Amino acid sequence: MDLLTWTDIIIQAFIRLGPVWVALVVLFLVSYRYKRSLGLYGKLFDSTIGMIGFAIVMFWVFAVVFLLGPWIGS
């Protein structure tokens, strides 16, 4: 087993969570762009606390989706 440094651990975390960050950024860009036409969901983006809470929830949702994605299809 190789000895991992803190730098290796951080790099691997960014690599493995990369799709989650990309999906989160895309979701926020699209949601912020169309927030006026999204109704109640769009109201979340009028509040900083709402956006932070939504980001935390969606981070974990995307993490689970990208983790279980390969196993769901098989």
Protein backbone atom coordinates (compact mmCIF):
# COMPACT_ATOMS: atom_id res chain seq x y z
CA MET A 1 0.00 0.00 0.00
CA ASP A 2 1.31 3.42 -0.92
CA LEU A 3 1.68 6.12 1.66
CA LEU A 4 -0.62 9.02 0.87
CA THR A 5 0.26 12.58 1.71
CA TRP A 6 -2.27 15.29 2.49
CA THR A 7 -1.76 16.67 -1.00
CA ASP A 8 -2.55 13.28 -2.55
CA ILE A 9 -5.71 12.96 -0.47
CA ILE A 10 -6.94 16.43 -1.44
CA ILE A 11 -6.19 15.85 -5.13
CA GLN A 12 -8.05 12.52 -5.10
CA ALA A 13 -11.04 14.12 -3.36
CA PHE A 14 -11.23 16.80 -6.07
CA ILE A 15 -10.89 14.20 -8.84
CA ARG A 16 -13.58 11.91 -7.42
CA LEU A 17 -15.95 14.75 -6.59
CA GLY A 18 -15.31 16.62 -9.85
CA PRO A 19 -18.57 15.57 -11.53
CA VAL A 20 -20.47 16.66 -8.41
CA TRP A 21 -18.94 20.15 -8.51
CA VAL A 22 -19.58 20.48 -12.24
CA ALA A 23 -23.23 19.42 -11.86
CA LEU A 24 -23.68 21.82 -8.94
CA VAL A 25 -22.24 24.76 -10.89
CA VAL A 26 -24.39 23.99 -13.94
CA LEU A 27 -27.51 23.65 -11.79
CA PHE A 28 -26.84 26.96 -10.04
CA LEU A 29 -26.09 28.82 -13.27
CA VAL A 30 -29.26 27.60 -14.96
CA SER A 31 -31.39 28.10 -11.86
CA TYR A 32 -30.08 31.62 -11.26
CA ARG A 33 -30.60 32.55 -14.91
CA TYR A 34 -34.24 31.40 -14.96
CA LYS A 35 -35.16 32.07 -11.31
CA ARG A 36 -38.00 34.48 -12.18
CA SER A 37 -39.82 31.86 -14.26
CA LEU A 38 -39.27 28.95 -11.83
CA GLY A 39 -41.90 29.94 -9.28
CA LEU A 40 -41.35 28.80 -5.71
CA TYR A 41 -38.09 27.04 -6.59
CA GLY A 42 -36.80 30.32 -8.02
CA LYS A 43 -37.55 32.08 -4.75
CA LEU A 44 -34.76 30.05 -3.13
CA PHE A 45 -32.29 32.09 -5.16
CA ASP A 46 -33.51 35.37 -3.68
CA SER A 47 -32.11 34.34 -0.30
CA THR A 48 -28.46 33.63 0.53
CA ILE A 49 -29.46 31.16 3.24
CA GLY A 50 -31.78 29.40 0.79
CA MET A 51 -28.99 29.06 -1.76
CA ILE A 52 -26.53 27.73 0.82
CA GLY A 53 -29.02 25.16 2.13
CA PHE A 54 -29.94 24.10 -1.40
CA ALA A 55 -26.25 23.76 -2.29
CA ILE A 56 -25.60 21.50 0.71
CA VAL A 57 -28.57 19.27 -0.11
CA MET A 58 -27.79 19.08 -3.82
CA PHE A 59 -24.10 18.36 -3.15
CA TRP A 60 -25.07 15.18 -1.32
CA VAL A 61 -27.78 14.28 -3.83
CA PHE A 62 -25.33 14.57 -6.72
CA ALA A 63 -22.67 12.68 -4.74
CA VAL A 64 -25.06 9.76 -4.26
CA VAL A 65 -26.26 9.86 -7.87
CA PHE A 66 -22.73 9.82 -9.26
CA LEU A 67 -21.65 7.16 -6.76
CA LEU A 68 -24.55 4.77 -7.40
CA GLY A 69 -24.96 5.55 -11.10
CA PRO A 70 -22.75 2.72 -12.41
CA TRP A 71 -24.47 0.13 -10.17
CA ILE A 72 -28.05 1.15 -10.90
CA GLY A 73 -27.80 0.29 -14.58
CA SER A 74 -26.37 -3.18 -13.99
